[in-house]
Amino acid sequence: FWSSLVNSRLSSGFIQRALRVCSRQTVCNLNTAQESIALTREISKNRELESILKAKKIQYNIIPCISHSIGEDRDSLPYALKQNWSYIVVTSPEAATVLVEGFLEAGSPQNLQIASIGQKTSSILVQGGLTPIFEASCSNAATLIQEIPTLDKSTGSTKGNVLYPASLIATSDIECGLNERGYQVTRLNTYSTEPAVWDDKMYERAKQTTIVTFASPSAVRVWADRVNTNIPAVCIGLTTRNEAEKLGFRTVASPNSPGLSGLADLILEFVTKRSVDGNSASFQERY
């Protein structure tokens, strides 16, 4: 169950919203342990975790670490979608949201070959009228690169062209991996991921956090820079977990199957175990 321990949205005509975000604290009668969980996604994206934590009467704060804004190549997206591509590779829910907007602006071109990194990304695409022809079995870049089908099964040829709409700060892992497989990759930075602005209350609540949750490497970097790495980090998947380990978080966990459901289960098990033992030591020994 545990893989490791020790260790909005952009709409048409959107104008970059202010980065200042509000901290929203929900206080519940904590029965399992005196924990304060930090949810670091944008406010609108925490509803599923909020409902689970409320039901378990666990105290939490919403302290967004990142904010999304328009990318430098956003205006080029509708035109690009009218061109012929072997695949359009989509690697995050935010990238899916932006792609759907560009798709509608382009007049909903048909027969787009969409490759999705995972279920959450796919669900947003489907809701917007785009059905992926491929979805990676595990939501990370390495799996997508390895599993994406060859274009000609009889010859194994992968001499195709790929459109990759991405965040400005995304690494080059996708491009490099697909290039090695024989694809020509065109990257469009359709959105940007930036540190969210915190007020004094948010800084104070961050300092009082006993467990922090992360859904992206970007959020990990912001937290490590602004707060500390001395508390347990519960991460949505392998890529985010690796970043937390790299930056020195002492206790890091992620579910075997990336996603919010596994993330929620992980938080609840950690809180329950620590409430019984009084600290993380025996928990670390167990995992």
C-alpha atoms as a PDB file:
ATOM      1  CA  PHE A   1       0.000   0.000   0.000  1.00  0.00           C
ATOM      2  CA  TRP A   2       2.767   2.393   0.823  1.00  0.00           C
ATOM      3  CA  SER A   3       5.481   2.803  -1.767  1.00  0.00           C
ATOM      4  CA  SER A   4       8.005   4.610   0.412  1.00  0.00           C
ATOM      5  CA  LEU A   5       8.561   6.285   3.717  1.00  0.00           C
ATOM      6  CA  VAL A   6      11.628   8.074   5.082  1.00  0.00           C
ATOM      7  CA  ASN A   7      11.989  10.071   2.918  1.00  0.00           C
ATOM      8  CA  SER A   8      -9.881  29.394 -12.501  1.00  0.00           C
ATOM      9  CA  ARG A   9      -8.814  27.371 -14.498  1.00  0.00           C
ATOM     10  CA  LEU A  10      -7.851  29.124 -17.705  1.00  0.00           C
ATOM     11  CA  SER A  11     -11.047  29.981 -19.593  1.00  0.00           C
ATOM     12  CA  SER A  12     -11.506  31.687 -22.975  1.00  0.00           C
ATOM     13  CA  GLY A  13     -10.618  35.349 -22.727  1.00  0.00           C
ATOM     14  CA  PHE A  14      -9.115  34.675 -19.322  1.00  0.00           C
ATOM     15  CA  ILE A  15      -7.015  37.410 -17.798  1.00  0.00           C
ATOM     16  CA  GLN A  16      -4.346  36.253 -15.399  1.00  0.00           C
ATOM     17  CA  ARG A  17      -5.924  36.285 -12.019  1.00  0.00           C
ATOM     18  CA  ALA A  18      -4.179  37.825  -9.066  1.00  0.00           C
ATOM     19  CA  LEU A  19      -1.854  35.457  -7.322  1.00  0.00           C
ATOM     20  CA  ARG A  20      -3.052  36.437  -3.883  1.00  0.00           C
ATOM     21  CA  VAL A  21      -5.115  33.623  -2.483  1.00  0.00           C
ATOM     22  CA  CYS A  22      -7.013  33.289   0.739  1.00  0.00           C
ATOM     23  CA  SER A  23      -6.385  30.736   3.423  1.00  0.00           C
ATOM     24  CA  ARG A  24      -9.483  28.893   4.486  1.00  0.00           C
ATOM     25  CA  GLN A  25      -9.367  27.046   7.816  1.00  0.00           C
ATOM     26  CA  THR A  26     -11.855  24.367   8.731  1.00  0.00           C
ATOM     27  CA  VAL A  27     -11.857  23.403  12.387  1.00  0.00           C
ATOM     28  CA  CYS A  28     -13.318  20.054  13.366  1.00  0.00           C
ATOM     29  CA  ASN A  29     -13.466  18.127  16.603  1.00  0.00           C
ATOM     30  CA  LEU A  30     -10.334  16.065  16.246  1.00  0.00           C
ATOM     31  CA  ASN A  31     -10.884  12.609  17.690  1.00  0.00           C
ATOM     32  CA  THR A  32      -7.977  10.661  16.214  1.00  0.00           C
ATOM     33  CA  ALA A  33      -4.990  12.921  16.900  1.00  0.00           C
ATOM     34  CA  GLN A  34      -4.001  16.527  17.298  1.00  0.00           C
ATOM     35  CA  GLU A  35      -3.000  16.898  13.692  1.00  0.00           C
ATOM     36  CA  SER A  36      -3.236  19.853  11.346  1.00  0.00           C
ATOM     37  CA  ILE A  37      -3.192  18.819   7.694  1.00  0.00           C
ATOM     38  CA  ALA A  38      -2.147  21.273   4.986  1.00  0.00           C
ATOM     39  CA  LEU A  39      -3.845  20.893   1.605  1.00  0.00           C
ATOM     40  CA  THR A  40      -1.631  22.688  -0.892  1.00  0.00           C
ATOM     41  CA  ARG A  41      -3.628  22.534  -4.111  1.00  0.00           C
ATOM     42  CA  GLU A  42      -5.598  25.538  -5.348  1.00  0.00           C
ATOM     43  CA  ILE A  43      -8.738  26.175  -3.283  1.00  0.00           C
ATOM     44  CA  SER A  44     -11.202  24.872  -5.884  1.00  0.00           C
ATOM     45  CA  LYS A  45      -9.342  21.573  -6.256  1.00  0.00           C
ATOM     46  CA  ASN A  46      -9.513  20.331  -2.662  1.00  0.00           C
ATOM     47  CA  ARG A  47     -13.203  19.426  -2.352  1.00  0.00           C
ATOM     48  CA  GLU A  48     -12.737  15.652  -2.389  1.00  0.00           C
ATOM     49  CA  LEU A  49     -10.054  15.694   0.293  1.00  0.00           C
ATOM     50  CA  GLU A  50     -11.998  18.250   2.333  1.00  0.00           C
ATOM     51  CA  SER A  51     -15.098  16.062   2.459  1.00  0.00           C
ATOM     52  CA  ILE A  52     -13.088  13.026   3.586  1.00  0.00           C
ATOM     53  CA  LEU A  53     -11.220  14.921   6.307  1.00  0.00           C
ATOM     54  CA  LYS A  54     -14.416  16.568   7.555  1.00  0.00           C
ATOM     55  CA  ALA A  55     -16.106  13.172   7.839  1.00  0.00           C
ATOM     56  CA  LYS A  56     -13.187  11.936   9.947  1.00  0.00           C
ATOM     57  CA  LYS A  57     -13.179  15.154  12.031  1.00  0.00           C
ATOM     58  CA  ILE A  58      -9.595  15.960  11.172  1.00  0.00           C
ATOM     59  CA  GLN A  59      -8.461  19.562  11.262  1.00  0.00           C
ATOM     60  CA  TYR A  60      -7.020  20.971   8.062  1.00  0.00           C
ATOM     61  CA  ASN A  61      -5.986  24.189   6.378  1.00  0.00           C
ATOM     62  CA  ILE A  62      -6.070  25.023   2.704  1.00  0.00           C
ATOM     63  CA  ILE A  63      -2.734  26.657   1.944  1.00  0.00           C
ATOM     64  CA  PRO A  64      -2.288  26.775  -1.851  1.00  0.00           C
ATOM     65  CA  CYS A  65       1.328  26.638  -2.935  1.00  0.00           C
ATOM     66  CA  ILE A  66       0.829  27.279  -6.649  1.00  0.00           C
ATOM     67  CA  SER A  67      -1.342  29.288  -9.005  1.00  0.00           C
ATOM     68  CA  HIS A  68      -1.910  28.891 -12.744  1.00  0.00           C
ATOM     69  CA  SER A  69      -1.789  31.622 -15.353  1.00  0.00           C
ATOM     70  CA  ILE A  70      -1.732  31.953 -19.137  1.00  0.00           C
ATOM     71  CA  GLY A  71       1.356  30.593 -20.866  1.00  0.00           C
ATOM     72  CA  GLU A  72       3.299  32.304 -23.620  1.00  0.00           C
ATOM     73  CA  ASP A  73       2.101  29.850 -26.285  1.00  0.00           C
ATOM     74  CA  ARG A  74      -1.563  29.749 -25.265  1.00  0.00           C
ATOM     75  CA  ASP A  75      -2.738  31.800 -28.250  1.00  0.00           C
ATOM     76  CA  SER A  76      -1.070  29.352 -30.655  1.00  0.00           C
ATOM     77  CA  LEU A  77      -2.979  26.343 -29.334  1.00  0.00           C
ATOM     78  CA  PRO A  78      -6.213  26.565 -31.414  1.00  0.00           C
ATOM     79  CA  TYR A  79      -4.242  26.812 -34.663  1.00  0.00           C
ATOM     80  CA  ALA A  80      -1.954  23.957 -33.642  1.00  0.00           C
ATOM     81  CA  LEU A  81      -4.938  21.703 -32.950  1.00  0.00           C
ATOM     82  CA  LYS A  82      -6.048  22.070 -36.579  1.00  0.00           C
ATOM     83  CA  GLN A  83      -2.800  20.504 -37.786  1.00  0.00           C
ATOM     84  CA  ASN A  84      -2.097  16.796 -38.148  1.00  0.00           C
ATOM     85  CA  TRP A  85      -0.462  15.145 -35.148  1.00  0.00           C
ATOM     86  CA  SER A  86       0.339  11.518 -34.440  1.00  0.00           C
ATOM     87  CA  TYR A  87      -0.412  12.211 -30.785  1.00  0.00           C
ATOM     88  CA  ILE A  88      -1.346  15.123 -28.552  1.00  0.00           C
ATOM     89  CA  VAL A  89       0.208  14.286 -25.189  1.00  0.00           C
ATOM     90  CA  VAL A  90      -1.557  15.619 -22.081  1.00  0.00           C
ATOM     91  CA  THR A  91       0.216  15.195 -18.751  1.00  0.00           C
ATOM     92  CA  SER A  92      -1.867  16.987 -16.099  1.00  0.00           C
ATOM     93  CA  PRO A  93      -5.441  18.004 -15.281  1.00  0.00           C
ATOM     94  CA  GLU A  94      -4.535  21.667 -15.819  1.00  0.00           C
ATOM     95  CA  ALA A  95      -3.043  20.891 -19.235  1.00  0.00           C
ATOM     96  CA  ALA A  96      -6.269  19.016 -20.043  1.00  0.00           C
ATOM     97  CA  THR A  97      -8.375  22.006 -19.007  1.00  0.00           C
ATOM     98  CA  VAL A  98      -6.398  24.353 -21.234  1.00  0.00           C
ATOM     99  CA  LEU A  99      -6.474  21.864 -24.121  1.00  0.00           C
ATOM    100  CA  VAL A 100     -10.266  21.610 -23.963  1.00  0.00           C
ATOM    101  CA  GLU A 101     -10.515  25.400 -24.126  1.00  0.00           C
ATOM    102  CA  GLY A 102      -8.237  25.509 -27.162  1.00  0.00           C
ATOM    103  CA  PHE A 103     -10.195  22.645 -28.744  1.00  0.00           C
ATOM    104  CA  LEU A 104     -13.452  24.592 -28.475  1.00  0.00           C
ATOM    105  CA  GLU A 105     -11.826  27.780 -29.771  1.00  0.00           C
ATOM    106  CA  ALA A 106     -10.517  25.832 -32.762  1.00  0.00           C
ATOM    107  CA  GLY A 107     -14.043  24.751 -33.692  1.00  0.00           C
ATOM    108  CA  SER A 108     -13.804  21.266 -32.161  1.00  0.00           C
ATOM    109  CA  PRO A 109     -11.609  19.584 -34.806  1.00  0.00           C
ATOM    110  CA  GLN A 110     -12.290  15.865 -35.113  1.00  0.00           C
ATOM    111  CA  ASN A 111     -10.107  12.770 -34.858  1.00  0.00           C
ATOM    112  CA  LEU A 112      -7.538  14.188 -32.452  1.00  0.00           C
ATOM    113  CA  GLN A 113      -5.231  11.446 -31.188  1.00  0.00           C
ATOM    114  CA  ILE A 114      -5.012  12.176 -27.466  1.00  0.00           C
ATOM    115  CA  ALA A 115      -2.568  10.383 -25.162  1.00  0.00           C
ATOM    116  CA  SER A 116      -3.353  10.964 -21.475  1.00  0.00           C
ATOM    117  CA  ILE A 117      -1.137  10.459 -18.451  1.00  0.00           C
ATOM    118  CA  GLY A 118      -3.888   9.216 -16.141  1.00  0.00           C
ATOM    119  CA  GLN A 119      -7.506   8.928 -15.046  1.00  0.00           C
ATOM    120  CA  LYS A 120      -8.009  12.425 -13.650  1.00  0.00           C
ATOM    121  CA  THR A 121      -6.554  14.006 -16.777  1.00  0.00           C
ATOM    122  CA  SER A 122      -8.669  11.720 -18.958  1.00  0.00           C
ATOM    123  CA  SER A 123     -11.873  12.564 -17.100  1.00  0.00           C
ATOM    124  CA  ILE A 124     -11.400  16.282 -17.763  1.00  0.00           C
ATOM    125  CA  LEU A 125     -10.709  15.589 -21.431  1.00  0.00           C
ATOM    126  CA  VAL A 126     -13.809  13.413 -21.782  1.00  0.00           C
ATOM    127  CA  GLN A 127     -15.980  16.017 -20.081  1.00  0.00           C
ATOM    128  CA  GLY A 128     -14.725  18.524 -22.643  1.00  0.00           C
ATOM    129  CA  GLY A 129     -15.513  16.286 -25.614  1.00  0.00           C
ATOM    130  CA  LEU A 130     -12.080  14.707 -26.119  1.00  0.00           C
ATOM    131  CA  THR A 131     -11.722  10.951 -25.633  1.00  0.00           C
ATOM    132  CA  PRO A 132      -8.119   9.745 -25.236  1.00  0.00           C
ATOM    133  CA  ILE A 133      -7.041   6.836 -27.405  1.00  0.00           C
ATOM    134  CA  PHE A 134      -4.356   5.981 -24.842  1.00  0.00           C
ATOM    135  CA  GLU A 135      -4.020   6.319 -21.068  1.00  0.00           C
ATOM    136  CA  ALA A 136      -0.879   5.388 -19.144  1.00  0.00           C
ATOM    137  CA  SER A 137      -1.280   2.602 -16.594  1.00  0.00           C
ATOM    138  CA  CYS A 138       0.481   4.723 -13.960  1.00  0.00           C
ATOM    139  CA  SER A 139       0.306   8.516 -13.854  1.00  0.00           C
ATOM    140  CA  ASN A 140       3.911   9.503 -14.457  1.00  0.00           C
ATOM    141  CA  ALA A 141       6.037  10.571 -17.402  1.00  0.00           C
ATOM    142  CA  ALA A 142       8.212   7.453 -17.466  1.00  0.00           C
ATOM    143  CA  THR A 143       5.217   5.142 -17.800  1.00  0.00           C
ATOM    144  CA  LEU A 144       3.605   7.250 -20.509  1.00  0.00           C
ATOM    145  CA  ILE A 145       6.829   7.343 -22.523  1.00  0.00           C
ATOM    146  CA  GLN A 146       7.314   3.600 -22.195  1.00  0.00           C
ATOM    147  CA  GLU A 147       3.725   2.560 -22.912  1.00  0.00           C
ATOM    148  CA  ILE A 148       2.553   4.956 -25.628  1.00  0.00           C
ATOM    149  CA  PRO A 149       1.756   2.759 -28.640  1.00  0.00           C
ATOM    150  CA  THR A 150       3.965   2.624 -31.699  1.00  0.00           C
ATOM    151  CA  LEU A 151       2.414   4.093 -34.832  1.00  0.00           C
ATOM    152  CA  ASP A 152       3.029   1.087 -37.076  1.00  0.00           C
ATOM    153  CA  LYS A 153       2.691  -2.169 -35.164  1.00  0.00           C
ATOM    154  CA  SER A 154       3.985  -4.220 -38.088  1.00  0.00           C
ATOM    155  CA  THR A 155       7.312  -2.363 -38.255  1.00  0.00           C
ATOM    156  CA  GLY A 156       7.497  -0.803 -34.801  1.00  0.00           C
ATOM    157  CA  SER A 157       8.123   2.561 -36.469  1.00  0.00           C
ATOM    158  CA  THR A 158       7.539   5.610 -34.303  1.00  0.00           C
ATOM    159  CA  LYS A 159       8.471   8.287 -36.786  1.00  0.00           C
ATOM    160  CA  GLY A 160       5.557  10.549 -35.925  1.00  0.00           C
ATOM    161  CA  ASN A 161       4.984  14.040 -34.658  1.00  0.00           C
ATOM    162  CA  VAL A 162       3.697  14.884 -31.204  1.00  0.00           C
ATOM    163  CA  LEU A 163       2.083  18.035 -29.850  1.00  0.00           C
ATOM    164  CA  TYR A 164       2.875  18.554 -26.167  1.00  0.00           C
ATOM    165  CA  PRO A 165       0.905  21.364 -24.460  1.00  0.00           C
ATOM    166  CA  ALA A 166       2.611  21.892 -21.103  1.00  0.00           C
ATOM    167  CA  SER A 167       3.358  24.159 -18.187  1.00  0.00           C
ATOM    168  CA  LEU A 168       6.160  26.640 -18.671  1.00  0.00           C
ATOM    169  CA  ILE A 169       8.071  25.080 -15.787  1.00  0.00           C
ATOM    170  CA  ALA A 170       7.543  21.433 -16.751  1.00  0.00           C
ATOM    171  CA  THR A 171      10.770  19.480 -17.194  1.00  0.00           C
ATOM    172  CA  SER A 172      11.915  18.201 -20.581  1.00  0.00           C
ATOM    173  CA  ASP A 173      11.398  14.557 -19.597  1.00  0.00           C
ATOM    174  CA  ILE A 174       8.477  14.061 -21.980  1.00  0.00           C
ATOM    175  CA  GLU A 175      10.247  15.598 -24.966  1.00  0.00           C
ATOM    176  CA  CYS A 176      13.488  13.725 -24.357  1.00  0.00           C
ATOM    177  CA  GLY A 177      11.780  10.400 -23.739  1.00  0.00           C
ATOM    178  CA  LEU A 178       9.591  10.603 -26.826  1.00  0.00           C
ATOM    179  CA  ASN A 179      12.508  11.832 -28.930  1.00  0.00           C
ATOM    180  CA  GLU A 180      14.426   8.728 -27.908  1.00  0.00           C
ATOM    181  CA  ARG A 181      11.495   6.651 -29.127  1.00  0.00           C
ATOM    182  CA  GLY A 182      11.641   8.360 -32.521  1.00  0.00           C
ATOM    183  CA  TYR A 183       8.990  11.038 -32.216  1.00  0.00           C
ATOM    184  CA  GLN A 184       9.371  14.683 -33.176  1.00  0.00           C
ATOM    185  CA  VAL A 185       7.923  16.734 -30.327  1.00  0.00           C
ATOM    186  CA  THR A 186       6.499  20.249 -30.568  1.00  0.00           C
ATOM    187  CA  ARG A 187       6.059  21.772 -27.139  1.00  0.00           C
ATOM    188  CA  LEU A 188       3.666  24.642 -26.445  1.00  0.00           C
ATOM    189  CA  ASN A 189       3.846  26.324 -23.043  1.00  0.00           C
ATOM    190  CA  THR A 190       0.115  26.888 -22.776  1.00  0.00           C
ATOM    191  CA  TYR A 191       0.018  27.762 -19.087  1.00  0.00           C
ATOM    192  CA  SER A 192       2.358  28.738 -16.300  1.00  0.00           C
ATOM    193  CA  THR A 193       2.634  27.404 -12.781  1.00  0.00           C
ATOM    194  CA  GLU A 194       3.695  30.071 -10.292  1.00  0.00           C
ATOM    195  CA  PRO A 195       4.119  30.294  -6.520  1.00  0.00           C
ATOM    196  CA  ALA A 196       0.961  31.480  -4.808  1.00  0.00           C
ATOM    197  CA  VAL A 197       1.140  34.596  -2.654  1.00  0.00           C
ATOM    198  CA  TRP A 198       0.639  34.021   1.076  1.00  0.00           C
ATOM    199  CA  ASP A 199      -0.431  36.486   3.720  1.00  0.00           C
ATOM    200  CA  ASP A 200       0.806  36.447   7.324  1.00  0.00           C
ATOM    201  CA  LYS A 201      -2.011  34.163   8.472  1.00  0.00           C
ATOM    202  CA  MET A 202      -1.115  31.578   5.863  1.00  0.00           C
ATOM    203  CA  TYR A 203       2.533  31.604   6.904  1.00  0.00           C
ATOM    204  CA  GLU A 204       1.478  31.128  10.528  1.00  0.00           C
ATOM    205  CA  ARG A 205      -0.834  28.228   9.706  1.00  0.00           C
ATOM    206  CA  ALA A 206       1.864  26.639   7.586  1.00  0.00           C
ATOM    207  CA  LYS A 207       4.233  26.721  10.559  1.00  0.00           C
ATOM    208  CA  GLN A 208       1.612  24.951  12.697  1.00  0.00           C
ATOM    209  CA  THR A 209       1.092  22.157  10.152  1.00  0.00           C
ATOM    210  CA  THR A 210       1.882  18.624  11.292  1.00  0.00           C
ATOM    211  CA  ILE A 211       1.330  16.826   7.952  1.00  0.00           C
ATOM    212  CA  VAL A 212       1.526  18.432   4.503  1.00  0.00           C
ATOM    213  CA  THR A 213      -0.015  17.020   1.330  1.00  0.00           C
ATOM    214  CA  PHE A 214       1.348  17.621  -2.156  1.00  0.00           C
ATOM    215  CA  ALA A 215      -0.091  17.043  -5.623  1.00  0.00           C
ATOM    216  CA  SER A 216       2.822  18.373  -7.687  1.00  0.00           C
ATOM    217  CA  PRO A 217       6.597  18.860  -7.489  1.00  0.00           C
ATOM    218  CA  SER A 218       6.033  22.616  -7.845  1.00  0.00           C
ATOM    219  CA  ALA A 219       4.058  22.701  -4.602  1.00  0.00           C
ATOM    220  CA  VAL A 220       6.806  20.743  -2.839  1.00  0.00           C
ATOM    221  CA  ARG A 221       9.412  23.306  -3.885  1.00  0.00           C
ATOM    222  CA  VAL A 222       7.327  26.243  -2.679  1.00  0.00           C
ATOM    223  CA  TRP A 223       6.688  24.664   0.728  1.00  0.00           C
ATOM    224  CA  ALA A 224      10.322  23.658   1.232  1.00  0.00           C
ATOM    225  CA  ASP A 225      11.453  27.183   0.378  1.00  0.00           C
ATOM    226  CA  ARG A 226       8.932  28.953   2.617  1.00  0.00           C
ATOM    227  CA  VAL A 227       8.425  26.641   5.582  1.00  0.00           C
ATOM    228  CA  ASN A 228      10.574  23.566   6.307  1.00  0.00           C
ATOM    229  CA  THR A 229      10.990  19.881   5.532  1.00  0.00           C
ATOM    230  CA  ASN A 230      10.714  18.623   9.107  1.00  0.00           C
ATOM    231  CA  ILE A 231       7.150  17.307   8.911  1.00  0.00           C
ATOM    232  CA  PRO A 232       5.746  14.271   7.084  1.00  0.00           C
ATOM    233  CA  ALA A 233       4.846  14.808   3.421  1.00  0.00           C
ATOM    234  CA  VAL A 234       2.052  12.775   1.855  1.00  0.00           C
ATOM    235  CA  CYS A 235       2.342  12.926  -1.937  1.00  0.00           C
ATOM    236  CA  ILE A 236      -0.107  12.113  -4.709  1.00  0.00           C
ATOM    237  CA  GLY A 237       2.360  10.067  -6.768  1.00  0.00           C
ATOM    238  CA  LEU A 238       5.903   8.995  -7.504  1.00  0.00           C
ATOM    239  CA  THR A 239       7.128  12.140  -9.270  1.00  0.00           C
ATOM    240  CA  THR A 240       5.978  14.379  -6.429  1.00  0.00           C
ATOM    241  CA  ARG A 241       7.351  11.976  -3.822  1.00  0.00           C
ATOM    242  CA  ASN A 242      10.749  11.976  -5.524  1.00  0.00           C
ATOM    243  CA  GLU A 243      10.857  15.761  -5.348  1.00  0.00           C
ATOM    244  CA  ALA A 244       9.989  15.700  -1.634  1.00  0.00           C
ATOM    245  CA  GLU A 245      12.729  13.180  -0.969  1.00  0.00           C
ATOM    246  CA  LYS A 246      15.196  15.203  -3.012  1.00  0.00           C
ATOM    247  CA  LEU A 247      14.456  18.356  -1.000  1.00  0.00           C
ATOM    248  CA  GLY A 248      14.971  16.615   2.319  1.00  0.00           C
ATOM    249  CA  PHE A 249      11.563  15.815   3.805  1.00  0.00           C
ATOM    250  CA  ARG A 250      12.287  13.337   6.575  1.00  0.00           C
ATOM    251  CA  THR A 251       9.144  11.247   6.148  1.00  0.00           C
ATOM    252  CA  VAL A 252       7.589  10.861   2.698  1.00  0.00           C
ATOM    253  CA  ALA A 253       4.761   8.622   1.525  1.00  0.00           C
ATOM    254  CA  SER A 254       2.821   8.104  -1.694  1.00  0.00           C
ATOM    255  CA  PRO A 255       0.161   5.600  -2.791  1.00  0.00           C
ATOM    256  CA  ASN A 256       1.009   2.787  -5.179  1.00  0.00           C
ATOM    257  CA  SER A 257      -1.658   4.080  -7.554  1.00  0.00           C
ATOM    258  CA  PRO A 258      -1.410   7.873  -7.951  1.00  0.00           C
ATOM    259  CA  GLY A 259      -4.606   9.796  -7.265  1.00  0.00           C
ATOM    260  CA  LEU A 260      -6.682  11.648  -4.682  1.00  0.00           C
ATOM    261  CA  SER A 261      -8.334   8.494  -3.343  1.00  0.00           C
ATOM    262  CA  GLY A 262      -4.989   6.914  -2.484  1.00  0.00           C
ATOM    263  CA  LEU A 263      -3.766  10.218  -1.086  1.00  0.00           C
ATOM    264  CA  ALA A 264      -6.771  10.430   1.245  1.00  0.00           C
ATOM    265  CA  ASP A 265      -6.308   6.827   2.431  1.00  0.00           C
ATOM    266  CA  LEU A 266      -2.672   7.559   3.127  1.00  0.00           C
ATOM    267  CA  ILE A 267      -3.464  10.623   5.260  1.00  0.00           C
ATOM    268  CA  LEU A 268      -6.046   8.745   7.305  1.00  0.00           C
ATOM    269  CA  GLU A 269      -3.786   5.752   7.922  1.00  0.00           C
ATOM    270  CA  PHE A 270      -0.897   7.988   8.933  1.00  0.00           C
ATOM    271  CA  VAL A 271      -3.053  10.024  11.347  1.00  0.00           C
ATOM    272  CA  THR A 272      -4.654   6.916  12.838  1.00  0.00           C
ATOM    273  CA  LYS A 273      -1.314   5.157  13.330  1.00  0.00           C
ATOM    274  CA  ARG A 274       0.330   8.184  14.890  1.00  0.00           C
ATOM    275  CA  SER A 275      -2.605   8.722  17.239  1.00  0.00           C
ATOM    276  CA  VAL A 276      -2.081   5.205  18.579  1.00  0.00           C
ATOM    277  CA  ASP A 277       1.709   5.335  18.913  1.00  0.00           C
ATOM    278  CA  GLY A 278       2.081   8.993  19.790  1.00  0.00           C
ATOM    279  CA  ASN A 279       4.810   9.575  17.197  1.00  0.00           C
ATOM    280  CA  SER A 280       6.018   8.504  13.770  1.00  0.00           C
ATOM    281  CA  ALA A 281       8.828   6.207  14.856  1.00  0.00           C
ATOM    282  CA  SER A 282       7.018   2.890  14.926  1.00  0.00           C
ATOM    283  CA  PHE A 283       5.128   3.848  11.808  1.00  0.00           C
ATOM    284  CA  GLN A 284       8.404   4.377  10.001  1.00  0.00           C
ATOM    285  CA  GLU A 285       9.651   1.010  11.224  1.00  0.00           C
ATOM    286  CA  ARG A 286       6.497  -0.650   9.922  1.00  0.00           C
ATOM    287  CA  TYR A 287       6.908   0.782   6.428  1.00  0.00           C
END
